[in-house]
N, C-alpha and C. Protein backbone atom coordinates (compact mmCIF):
# COMPACT_ATOMS: atom_id res chain seq x y z
N MET A 1 8.70 -8.15 -14.79
CA MET A 1 8.48 -6.90 -14.09
C MET A 1 9.81 -6.26 -13.74
N GLY A 2 9.73 -5.02 -13.31
CA GLY A 2 10.92 -4.27 -12.97
C GLY A 2 11.23 -4.28 -11.49
N THR A 3 12.19 -3.47 -11.15
CA THR A 3 12.60 -3.33 -9.76
C THR A 3 12.13 -1.98 -9.24
N ALA A 4 11.70 -1.97 -8.01
CA ALA A 4 11.23 -0.74 -7.38
C ALA A 4 12.10 -0.44 -6.16
N ILE A 5 12.18 0.84 -5.84
CA ILE A 5 12.83 1.28 -4.61
C ILE A 5 11.73 1.75 -3.68
N LEU A 6 11.69 1.15 -2.51
CA LEU A 6 10.63 1.41 -1.54
C LEU A 6 11.23 2.04 -0.29
N LYS A 7 10.55 3.04 0.24
CA LYS A 7 10.97 3.69 1.48
C LYS A 7 9.79 3.61 2.44
N ILE A 8 10.05 2.99 3.61
CA ILE A 8 9.00 2.79 4.62
C ILE A 8 9.41 3.48 5.91
N LYS A 9 8.46 4.23 6.49
CA LYS A 9 8.69 4.89 7.78
C LYS A 9 8.10 4.01 8.88
N ILE A 10 8.95 3.64 9.84
CA ILE A 10 8.55 2.80 10.97
C ILE A 10 8.58 3.68 12.21
N MET A 11 7.40 3.92 12.77
CA MET A 11 7.28 4.83 13.91
C MET A 11 7.11 4.02 15.20
N PRO A 12 8.04 4.17 16.15
CA PRO A 12 7.90 3.47 17.43
C PRO A 12 6.82 4.12 18.29
N GLU A 13 6.34 3.37 19.28
CA GLU A 13 5.29 3.87 20.18
C GLU A 13 5.79 4.96 21.12
N SER A 14 7.07 4.88 21.50
CA SER A 14 7.58 5.85 22.48
C SER A 14 9.07 6.10 22.25
N PRO A 15 9.59 7.17 22.85
CA PRO A 15 11.03 7.45 22.73
C PRO A 15 11.90 6.40 23.40
N THR A 16 11.31 5.61 24.28
CA THR A 16 12.10 4.59 24.99
C THR A 16 12.15 3.25 24.26
N ALA A 17 11.50 3.15 23.12
CA ALA A 17 11.52 1.90 22.35
C ALA A 17 12.95 1.60 21.91
N ASP A 18 13.31 0.33 21.88
CA ASP A 18 14.65 -0.11 21.50
C ASP A 18 14.76 -0.13 19.97
N LEU A 19 15.31 0.96 19.39
CA LEU A 19 15.40 1.09 17.94
C LEU A 19 16.30 0.03 17.30
N SER A 20 17.35 -0.36 18.00
CA SER A 20 18.25 -1.37 17.41
C SER A 20 17.54 -2.72 17.30
N LYS A 21 16.73 -3.05 18.28
CA LYS A 21 15.97 -4.31 18.21
C LYS A 21 14.90 -4.23 17.11
N ILE A 22 14.22 -3.08 17.02
CA ILE A 22 13.21 -2.89 15.97
C ILE A 22 13.88 -2.99 14.60
N GLN A 23 15.04 -2.37 14.45
CA GLN A 23 15.75 -2.42 13.17
C GLN A 23 16.15 -3.85 12.81
N GLU A 24 16.64 -4.59 13.78
CA GLU A 24 17.04 -5.98 13.55
C GLU A 24 15.86 -6.83 13.09
N GLU A 25 14.72 -6.68 13.77
CA GLU A 25 13.53 -7.46 13.41
C GLU A 25 12.95 -7.01 12.07
N ALA A 26 12.99 -5.70 11.80
CA ALA A 26 12.49 -5.18 10.52
C ALA A 26 13.36 -5.69 9.37
N GLN A 27 14.66 -5.73 9.59
CA GLN A 27 15.57 -6.23 8.56
C GLN A 27 15.24 -7.67 8.20
N LYS A 28 14.99 -8.49 9.19
CA LYS A 28 14.64 -9.90 8.95
C LYS A 28 13.34 -10.00 8.13
N ILE A 29 12.33 -9.22 8.51
CA ILE A 29 11.05 -9.24 7.79
C ILE A 29 11.23 -8.81 6.34
N ILE A 30 11.97 -7.73 6.13
CA ILE A 30 12.16 -7.21 4.77
C ILE A 30 12.94 -8.21 3.91
N GLU A 31 14.00 -8.77 4.46
CA GLU A 31 14.78 -9.75 3.71
C GLU A 31 13.99 -11.04 3.45
N ASP A 32 13.17 -11.46 4.40
CA ASP A 32 12.33 -12.65 4.21
C ASP A 32 11.29 -12.44 3.12
N ASN A 33 10.90 -11.18 2.88
CA ASN A 33 9.93 -10.85 1.84
C ASN A 33 10.60 -10.40 0.55
N LYS A 34 11.86 -10.79 0.39
CA LYS A 34 12.63 -10.56 -0.84
C LYS A 34 13.03 -9.11 -1.08
N GLY A 35 13.18 -8.34 -0.02
CA GLY A 35 13.74 -6.99 -0.13
C GLY A 35 15.26 -7.10 -0.14
N SER A 36 15.94 -6.26 -0.90
CA SER A 36 17.40 -6.32 -0.97
C SER A 36 17.99 -4.90 -0.91
N ASN A 37 19.31 -4.84 -0.77
CA ASN A 37 20.04 -3.57 -0.68
C ASN A 37 19.42 -2.66 0.39
N LEU A 38 19.17 -3.23 1.53
CA LEU A 38 18.49 -2.55 2.63
C LEU A 38 19.41 -1.59 3.36
N ARG A 39 18.86 -0.42 3.68
CA ARG A 39 19.59 0.53 4.53
C ARG A 39 18.57 1.23 5.43
N PHE A 40 19.01 1.58 6.62
CA PHE A 40 18.16 2.27 7.59
C PHE A 40 18.73 3.64 7.91
N GLU A 41 17.83 4.59 8.14
CA GLU A 41 18.20 5.92 8.61
C GLU A 41 17.31 6.23 9.81
N LYS A 42 17.83 7.04 10.70
CA LYS A 42 17.02 7.49 11.84
C LYS A 42 16.58 8.92 11.55
N GLU A 43 15.28 9.17 11.79
CA GLU A 43 14.73 10.50 11.54
C GLU A 43 14.08 11.03 12.81
N PRO A 44 14.68 12.07 13.43
CA PRO A 44 14.07 12.66 14.62
C PRO A 44 12.68 13.21 14.28
N VAL A 45 11.71 12.95 15.16
CA VAL A 45 10.34 13.38 14.92
C VAL A 45 10.01 14.54 15.86
N ALA A 46 9.89 14.26 17.15
CA ALA A 46 9.60 15.30 18.14
C ALA A 46 9.72 14.72 19.55
N PHE A 47 10.08 15.55 20.49
CA PHE A 47 10.12 15.17 21.92
C PHE A 47 10.89 13.87 22.17
N GLY A 48 12.00 13.68 21.46
CA GLY A 48 12.84 12.50 21.66
C GLY A 48 12.42 11.29 20.85
N LEU A 49 11.31 11.37 20.15
CA LEU A 49 10.84 10.26 19.33
C LEU A 49 11.62 10.23 18.01
N VAL A 50 12.11 9.04 17.66
CA VAL A 50 12.90 8.88 16.45
C VAL A 50 12.28 7.76 15.60
N ALA A 51 12.03 8.06 14.33
CA ALA A 51 11.47 7.06 13.41
C ALA A 51 12.62 6.38 12.66
N LEU A 52 12.39 5.13 12.25
CA LEU A 52 13.32 4.43 11.39
C LEU A 52 12.80 4.52 9.96
N ILE A 53 13.67 4.86 9.03
CA ILE A 53 13.31 4.89 7.62
C ILE A 53 14.08 3.75 6.94
N ALA A 54 13.35 2.77 6.43
CA ALA A 54 13.96 1.64 5.73
C ALA A 54 13.84 1.88 4.23
N THR A 55 14.96 1.84 3.53
CA THR A 55 14.99 2.00 2.08
C THR A 55 15.57 0.72 1.50
N PHE A 56 14.87 0.14 0.52
CA PHE A 56 15.33 -1.12 -0.07
C PHE A 56 14.75 -1.31 -1.46
N MET A 57 15.31 -2.28 -2.16
CA MET A 57 14.85 -2.63 -3.50
C MET A 57 13.99 -3.89 -3.41
N MET A 58 13.03 -3.97 -4.33
CA MET A 58 12.15 -5.13 -4.36
C MET A 58 11.59 -5.30 -5.78
N ASP A 59 11.06 -6.45 -6.06
CA ASP A 59 10.36 -6.66 -7.33
C ASP A 59 9.07 -5.88 -7.26
N GLU A 60 8.78 -5.07 -8.28
CA GLU A 60 7.60 -4.21 -8.20
C GLU A 60 6.29 -4.96 -8.26
N SER A 61 6.33 -6.26 -8.56
CA SER A 61 5.10 -7.04 -8.60
C SER A 61 4.67 -7.51 -7.20
N ILE A 62 5.56 -7.38 -6.21
CA ILE A 62 5.23 -7.77 -4.84
C ILE A 62 4.42 -6.64 -4.20
N PRO A 63 3.27 -6.94 -3.63
CA PRO A 63 2.47 -5.88 -2.99
C PRO A 63 3.18 -5.29 -1.77
N THR A 64 3.14 -3.98 -1.64
CA THR A 64 3.77 -3.33 -0.48
C THR A 64 3.02 -3.66 0.81
N ASP A 65 1.78 -4.06 0.69
CA ASP A 65 0.99 -4.43 1.88
C ASP A 65 1.67 -5.54 2.67
N ASP A 66 2.35 -6.46 1.99
CA ASP A 66 3.04 -7.55 2.67
C ASP A 66 4.06 -7.01 3.66
N PHE A 67 4.84 -6.02 3.23
CA PHE A 67 5.85 -5.43 4.10
C PHE A 67 5.19 -4.66 5.25
N GLU A 68 4.21 -3.84 4.91
CA GLU A 68 3.55 -3.01 5.92
C GLU A 68 2.89 -3.85 7.01
N GLU A 69 2.12 -4.84 6.62
CA GLU A 69 1.39 -5.66 7.60
C GLU A 69 2.33 -6.42 8.51
N ASN A 70 3.40 -6.98 7.95
CA ASN A 70 4.35 -7.73 8.77
C ASN A 70 5.11 -6.81 9.73
N LEU A 71 5.47 -5.62 9.28
CA LEU A 71 6.18 -4.69 10.15
C LEU A 71 5.28 -4.15 11.26
N LYS A 72 3.99 -3.98 10.98
CA LYS A 72 3.06 -3.49 12.00
C LYS A 72 2.91 -4.47 13.17
N GLN A 73 3.25 -5.73 12.94
CA GLN A 73 3.13 -6.75 13.98
C GLN A 73 4.27 -6.70 14.99
N LEU A 74 5.31 -5.93 14.70
CA LEU A 74 6.45 -5.86 15.61
C LEU A 74 6.06 -5.17 16.92
N LYS A 75 6.71 -5.58 17.99
CA LYS A 75 6.47 -5.00 19.31
C LYS A 75 6.95 -3.55 19.32
N ASP A 76 6.24 -2.69 20.01
CA ASP A 76 6.58 -1.27 20.20
C ASP A 76 6.46 -0.42 18.94
N ILE A 77 5.67 -0.85 17.97
CA ILE A 77 5.47 -0.08 16.74
C ILE A 77 4.12 0.62 16.79
N SER A 78 4.14 1.92 16.53
CA SER A 78 2.92 2.70 16.50
C SER A 78 2.29 2.70 15.11
N SER A 79 3.13 2.92 14.08
CA SER A 79 2.62 2.93 12.71
C SER A 79 3.72 2.60 11.72
N VAL A 80 3.29 2.15 10.55
CA VAL A 80 4.19 1.85 9.44
C VAL A 80 3.54 2.40 8.19
N SER A 81 4.30 3.17 7.41
CA SER A 81 3.72 3.72 6.18
C SER A 81 4.76 3.82 5.08
N VAL A 82 4.30 3.54 3.87
CA VAL A 82 5.16 3.71 2.69
C VAL A 82 5.22 5.21 2.41
N ILE A 83 6.43 5.76 2.37
CA ILE A 83 6.56 7.19 2.12
C ILE A 83 7.12 7.48 0.72
N ASP A 84 7.63 6.44 0.05
CA ASP A 84 8.12 6.62 -1.32
C ASP A 84 8.17 5.27 -2.01
N PHE A 85 7.75 5.27 -3.27
CA PHE A 85 7.77 4.06 -4.09
C PHE A 85 8.07 4.51 -5.51
N ARG A 86 9.20 4.09 -6.04
CA ARG A 86 9.55 4.46 -7.41
C ARG A 86 10.22 3.33 -8.15
N ARG A 87 10.06 3.35 -9.44
CA ARG A 87 10.67 2.34 -10.31
C ARG A 87 12.15 2.68 -10.46
N ALA A 88 12.98 1.64 -10.33
CA ALA A 88 14.43 1.81 -10.47
C ALA A 88 14.81 1.64 -11.95
N PHE A 89 15.65 2.53 -12.44
CA PHE A 89 16.14 2.46 -13.81
C PHE A 89 17.65 2.27 -13.80
N GLY A 90 18.14 1.62 -14.82
CA GLY A 90 19.58 1.50 -14.94
C GLY A 90 20.09 0.13 -15.11
């Protein structure tokens, strides 16, 4: 199988959620599920709420549900959704 680039939006429950702690725990989950070349971006949403966008590479045969379900279990997370999934070429 090939390699895919996955982008996941991690939405905290409130503007007071500790984004650095969420990012640290999300990084561990993604790396434990064989995600690589991980990078995070912060995306302002509204009223002080900021989402984390995790972009990483993975084997395309791994179901994205594994990442989503594990990330949803984190404390202070409102929602997790795949916002982009594409096959990597090169």
